[in-house]
Amino acid sequence: MRRLFVVLFSLATLASGSTAYAAGGPFGIDHRLHYDNSGIWNRNNQKALMYGSILTVGVGALALGDDSKLGDTFWRSVDSMVFTGIAATGMKYGFRRERPSQTASPNQWFKSSSAQSFPSGEVAAISAAVTPFIVNYGEDHPAIYALALLPAYDAVARMKTRGHWQSDVLVGAALGTGIGIWSAHRQSPLILSWLPGGFQVGFVHHFK
C-alpha cells in the first residue's frame, strides 16, 4: 500500500502545478491551468476512459462472478465505484462549487445547483475502479500499480479542460481510493450479496 500513497503524492504534485501566482481554494493551490482540449487532453478521451472503466468493471464482474480472486476483485470494484459515485454526487450538491469554466476564482462555493466542481466525480470513479486491483494484486505484481496512472491522467486532463480545480481532483482521488481500500478489505463484496445467487457464478460459468 505504500506505493499507492507514493502515487497519490505524485498526483498531488502534478495537480498543484505552478503556484507562482495567486491561488486559493481549501489547500491554497487552486488556479486555472492554460486551457488545452487537444491531443491526449481532449474531452472525448476523458469520456472514453470513464465509460471504458465502467464497462470493463461491469462486464468483468458479470462475466466472472465471485468464483475466483479476479472475479471477486471486479465485484469489489463495482462496490467501490457505486459508493464513490453516491458520495461524490452528494458532495457536489452540498458544496456547489463553480468550475474553472464558470469562474476565474477558486473560492466560489455554495452557488447554484449547476455548480458541481467539488469533488471530481470522474477522478473519484476511476480511482475507485483501480484501487481494489492495486490492493489485491499490487504486492505480488508491482506492475499493477501502473493502473494509478489512469486517475492521474484524468486529473490533469480535467484541469486542462477547466472542468475542475486542483483540490477537486485531489479530493476525488482520495475519496475513490479510500472507498476502494474499504471495499477491498471487506469480508465479501456488498452489492453482490444483495443480488440473486446466479450472479455469484458469472455468465462465463453459466455457459460452460
Protein backbone atom coordinates (compact mmCIF):
# COMPACT_ATOMS: atom_id res chain seq x y z
CA MET A 1 0.00 0.00 0.00
CA ARG A 2 2.98 2.29 0.50
CA ARG A 3 3.41 2.53 -3.27
CA LEU A 4 -0.21 3.57 -3.73
CA PHE A 5 0.30 6.54 -1.42
CA VAL A 6 3.50 7.45 -3.28
CA VAL A 7 1.44 7.57 -6.48
CA LEU A 8 -1.16 9.77 -4.77
CA PHE A 9 1.56 12.11 -3.54
CA SER A 10 2.89 12.33 -7.09
CA LEU A 11 -0.64 13.17 -8.26
CA ALA A 12 -0.75 15.97 -5.69
CA THR A 13 2.48 17.38 -7.10
CA LEU A 14 1.13 17.21 -10.66
CA ALA A 15 -2.16 18.76 -9.63
CA SER A 16 -0.63 21.67 -7.76
CA GLY A 17 1.35 22.76 -10.80
CA SER A 18 3.00 26.14 -10.70
CA THR A 19 1.78 28.26 -7.81
CA ALA A 20 3.92 31.30 -8.53
CA TYR A 21 0.82 33.40 -8.92
CA ALA A 22 -2.31 33.91 -6.83
CA ALA A 23 -4.02 30.70 -5.83
CA GLY A 24 -6.81 29.79 -3.48
CA GLY A 25 -9.20 27.06 -2.51
CA PRO A 26 -9.10 24.86 0.60
CA PHE A 27 -5.40 23.93 0.15
CA GLY A 28 -4.23 27.25 -1.27
CA ILE A 29 -3.18 25.64 -4.58
CA ASP A 30 -6.21 26.16 -6.82
CA HIS A 31 -5.72 28.16 -10.02
CA ARG A 32 -6.72 27.85 -13.66
CA LEU A 33 -4.37 25.97 -15.94
CA HIS A 34 -3.84 27.07 -19.52
CA TYR A 35 -6.86 25.71 -21.43
CA ASP A 36 -6.00 22.72 -23.60
CA ASN A 37 -8.63 20.50 -25.20
CA SER A 38 -6.35 18.99 -27.83
CA GLY A 39 -4.44 15.75 -28.26
CA ILE A 40 -4.49 13.39 -25.29
CA TRP A 41 -6.26 16.01 -23.18
CA ASN A 42 -9.31 16.10 -25.44
CA ARG A 43 -12.57 15.76 -23.55
CA ASN A 44 -13.62 12.81 -25.69
CA ASN A 45 -10.60 10.85 -24.44
CA GLN A 46 -11.60 11.59 -20.86
CA LYS A 47 -15.10 10.34 -21.50
CA ALA A 48 -13.76 7.22 -23.21
CA LEU A 49 -11.65 6.43 -20.14
CA MET A 50 -14.59 6.97 -17.80
CA TYR A 51 -17.10 4.91 -19.77
CA GLY A 52 -14.45 2.30 -20.53
CA SER A 53 -13.76 1.91 -16.82
CA ILE A 54 -17.46 1.45 -16.05
CA LEU A 55 -17.88 -1.03 -18.89
CA THR A 56 -14.78 -3.05 -18.01
CA VAL A 57 -15.69 -3.33 -14.34
CA GLY A 58 -19.34 -4.16 -15.02
CA VAL A 59 -18.67 -6.73 -17.74
CA GLY A 60 -15.83 -8.31 -15.77
CA ALA A 61 -17.97 -8.72 -12.67
CA LEU A 62 -20.94 -10.19 -14.54
CA ALA A 63 -18.77 -12.48 -16.66
CA LEU A 64 -16.59 -13.91 -13.90
CA GLY A 65 -18.87 -13.88 -10.88
CA ASP A 66 -17.29 -14.43 -7.48
CA ASP A 67 -15.74 -17.86 -8.05
CA SER A 68 -12.18 -16.57 -8.47
CA LYS A 69 -9.92 -13.92 -6.98
CA LEU A 70 -10.18 -11.89 -10.19
CA GLY A 71 -13.97 -12.06 -10.27
CA ASP A 72 -14.15 -11.17 -6.59
CA THR A 73 -11.92 -8.17 -7.23
CA PHE A 74 -14.17 -7.00 -10.09
CA TRP A 75 -17.16 -7.10 -7.73
CA ARG A 76 -15.25 -5.15 -5.10
CA SER A 77 -14.50 -2.61 -7.80
CA VAL A 78 -18.25 -2.44 -8.53
CA ASP A 79 -18.88 -1.70 -4.84
CA SER A 80 -16.15 0.91 -4.85
CA MET A 81 -17.42 2.74 -7.93
CA VAL A 82 -21.08 2.72 -6.84
CA PHE A 83 -20.48 4.02 -3.33
CA THR A 84 -17.91 6.52 -4.53
CA GLY A 85 -20.43 7.82 -7.07
CA ILE A 86 -23.06 8.26 -4.37
CA ALA A 87 -20.63 10.06 -2.05
CA ALA A 88 -19.22 12.32 -4.78
CA THR A 89 -22.68 13.29 -6.03
CA GLY A 90 -23.79 14.16 -2.50
CA MET A 91 -20.71 16.32 -2.00
CA LYS A 92 -21.23 18.10 -5.33
CA TYR A 93 -24.76 19.14 -4.40
CA GLY A 94 -23.65 20.01 -0.86
CA PHE A 95 -20.68 22.22 -1.73
CA ARG A 96 -21.95 23.58 -5.09
CA ARG A 97 -18.57 24.92 -6.16
CA GLU A 98 -18.21 26.67 -9.50
CA ARG A 99 -15.88 25.10 -12.09
CA PRO A 100 -12.90 26.90 -13.63
CA SER A 101 -15.02 27.10 -16.80
CA GLN A 102 -17.59 29.11 -14.84
CA THR A 103 -15.36 31.46 -12.86
CA ALA A 104 -11.74 32.59 -12.54
CA SER A 105 -11.99 32.45 -8.75
CA PRO A 106 -11.47 29.13 -6.97
CA ASN A 107 -13.36 30.38 -3.92
CA GLN A 108 -16.89 30.32 -5.30
CA TRP A 109 -18.78 27.83 -3.10
CA PHE A 110 -22.47 27.25 -2.33
CA LYS A 111 -23.69 28.70 -5.62
CA SER A 112 -26.40 27.32 -7.94
CA SER A 113 -27.14 23.62 -8.36
CA SER A 114 -25.28 23.73 -11.70
CA ALA A 115 -22.03 24.40 -9.81
CA GLN A 116 -20.72 20.88 -9.23
CA SER A 117 -16.93 21.14 -9.32
CA PHE A 118 -16.07 19.67 -5.91
CA PRO A 119 -15.00 16.92 -5.89
CA SER A 120 -14.17 15.46 -9.31
CA GLY A 121 -16.59 12.60 -9.83
CA GLU A 122 -14.61 11.17 -12.74
CA VAL A 123 -11.27 11.09 -10.93
CA ALA A 124 -13.06 9.61 -7.91
CA ALA A 125 -14.72 6.91 -10.01
CA ILE A 126 -11.56 5.88 -11.86
CA SER A 127 -9.60 5.84 -8.60
CA ALA A 128 -12.34 3.68 -7.11
CA ALA A 129 -12.21 1.31 -10.07
CA VAL A 130 -8.47 0.62 -9.95
CA THR A 131 -7.85 0.61 -6.19
CA PRO A 132 -9.23 -2.89 -5.40
CA PHE A 133 -6.98 -4.33 -8.13
CA ILE A 134 -3.96 -2.49 -6.72
CA VAL A 135 -4.75 -3.67 -3.19
CA ASN A 136 -5.32 -7.31 -4.19
CA TYR A 137 -2.53 -7.71 -6.74
CA GLY A 138 -0.01 -4.93 -6.16
CA GLU A 139 2.27 -6.72 -3.71
CA ASP A 140 2.71 -9.80 -5.90
CA HIS A 141 2.59 -7.98 -9.23
CA PRO A 142 4.09 -4.47 -8.82
CA ALA A 143 3.30 -3.59 -12.44
CA ILE A 144 -0.36 -3.35 -11.40
CA TYR A 145 0.48 -0.02 -9.73
CA ALA A 146 0.60 1.41 -13.24
CA LEU A 147 -3.22 1.46 -13.05
CA ALA A 148 -2.84 4.51 -10.82
CA LEU A 149 -1.72 6.42 -13.91
CA LEU A 150 -5.32 6.32 -15.17
CA PRO A 151 -6.81 8.59 -12.47
CA ALA A 152 -3.60 10.67 -12.58
CA TYR A 153 -4.08 11.27 -16.31
CA ASP A 154 -7.76 12.08 -15.84
CA ALA A 155 -6.96 14.51 -13.03
CA VAL A 156 -4.58 16.52 -15.22
CA ALA A 157 -6.92 16.33 -18.21
CA ARG A 158 -9.91 17.59 -16.20
CA MET A 159 -7.89 20.58 -15.04
CA LYS A 160 -6.56 21.36 -18.51
CA THR A 161 -10.09 21.44 -19.93
CA ARG A 162 -11.15 23.57 -16.95
CA GLY A 163 -13.59 21.05 -15.58
CA HIS A 164 -12.00 21.06 -12.13
CA TRP A 165 -9.64 22.81 -9.75
CA GLN A 166 -6.60 21.14 -8.20
CA SER A 167 -8.34 20.44 -4.89
CA ASP A 168 -11.30 18.90 -6.75
CA VAL A 169 -9.16 16.20 -8.32
CA LEU A 170 -7.10 15.58 -5.19
CA VAL A 171 -10.17 15.09 -3.02
CA GLY A 172 -11.78 12.99 -5.76
CA ALA A 173 -8.71 10.74 -5.88
CA ALA A 174 -8.63 10.46 -2.09
CA LEU A 175 -12.36 9.67 -1.96
CA GLY A 176 -12.19 6.94 -4.60
CA THR A 177 -9.02 5.46 -3.15
CA GLY A 178 -10.39 5.43 0.39
CA ILE A 179 -13.62 3.72 -0.58
CA GLY A 180 -11.66 1.35 -2.83
CA ILE A 181 -9.48 0.30 0.10
CA TRP A 182 -12.58 -0.21 2.26
CA SER A 183 -14.18 -2.30 -0.46
CA ALA A 184 -11.04 -4.40 -0.97
CA HIS A 185 -10.82 -5.26 2.73
CA ARG A 186 -14.45 -6.21 3.27
CA GLN A 187 -15.16 -9.86 4.04
CA SER A 188 -17.15 -10.12 0.81
CA PRO A 189 -18.47 -7.81 -1.95
CA LEU A 190 -21.52 -5.94 -0.66
CA ILE A 191 -23.62 -5.34 -3.78
CA LEU A 192 -23.14 -8.95 -4.87
CA SER A 193 -24.68 -10.09 -1.58
CA TRP A 194 -27.86 -8.15 -2.46
CA LEU A 195 -28.27 -9.89 -5.83
CA PRO A 196 -29.68 -13.35 -6.67
CA GLY A 197 -27.20 -16.19 -6.29
CA GLY A 198 -26.79 -16.62 -10.04
CA PHE A 199 -24.63 -13.51 -10.21
CA GLN A 200 -22.05 -15.18 -7.98
CA VAL A 201 -21.42 -17.83 -10.63
CA GLY A 202 -20.89 -15.47 -13.56
CA PHE A 203 -22.03 -15.74 -17.17
CA VAL A 204 -18.81 -17.43 -18.27
CA HIS A 205 -19.52 -20.37 -15.97
CA HIS A 206 -23.23 -20.43 -16.85
CA PHE A 207 -22.46 -21.22 -20.47
CA LYS A 208 -19.72 -23.77 -19.91
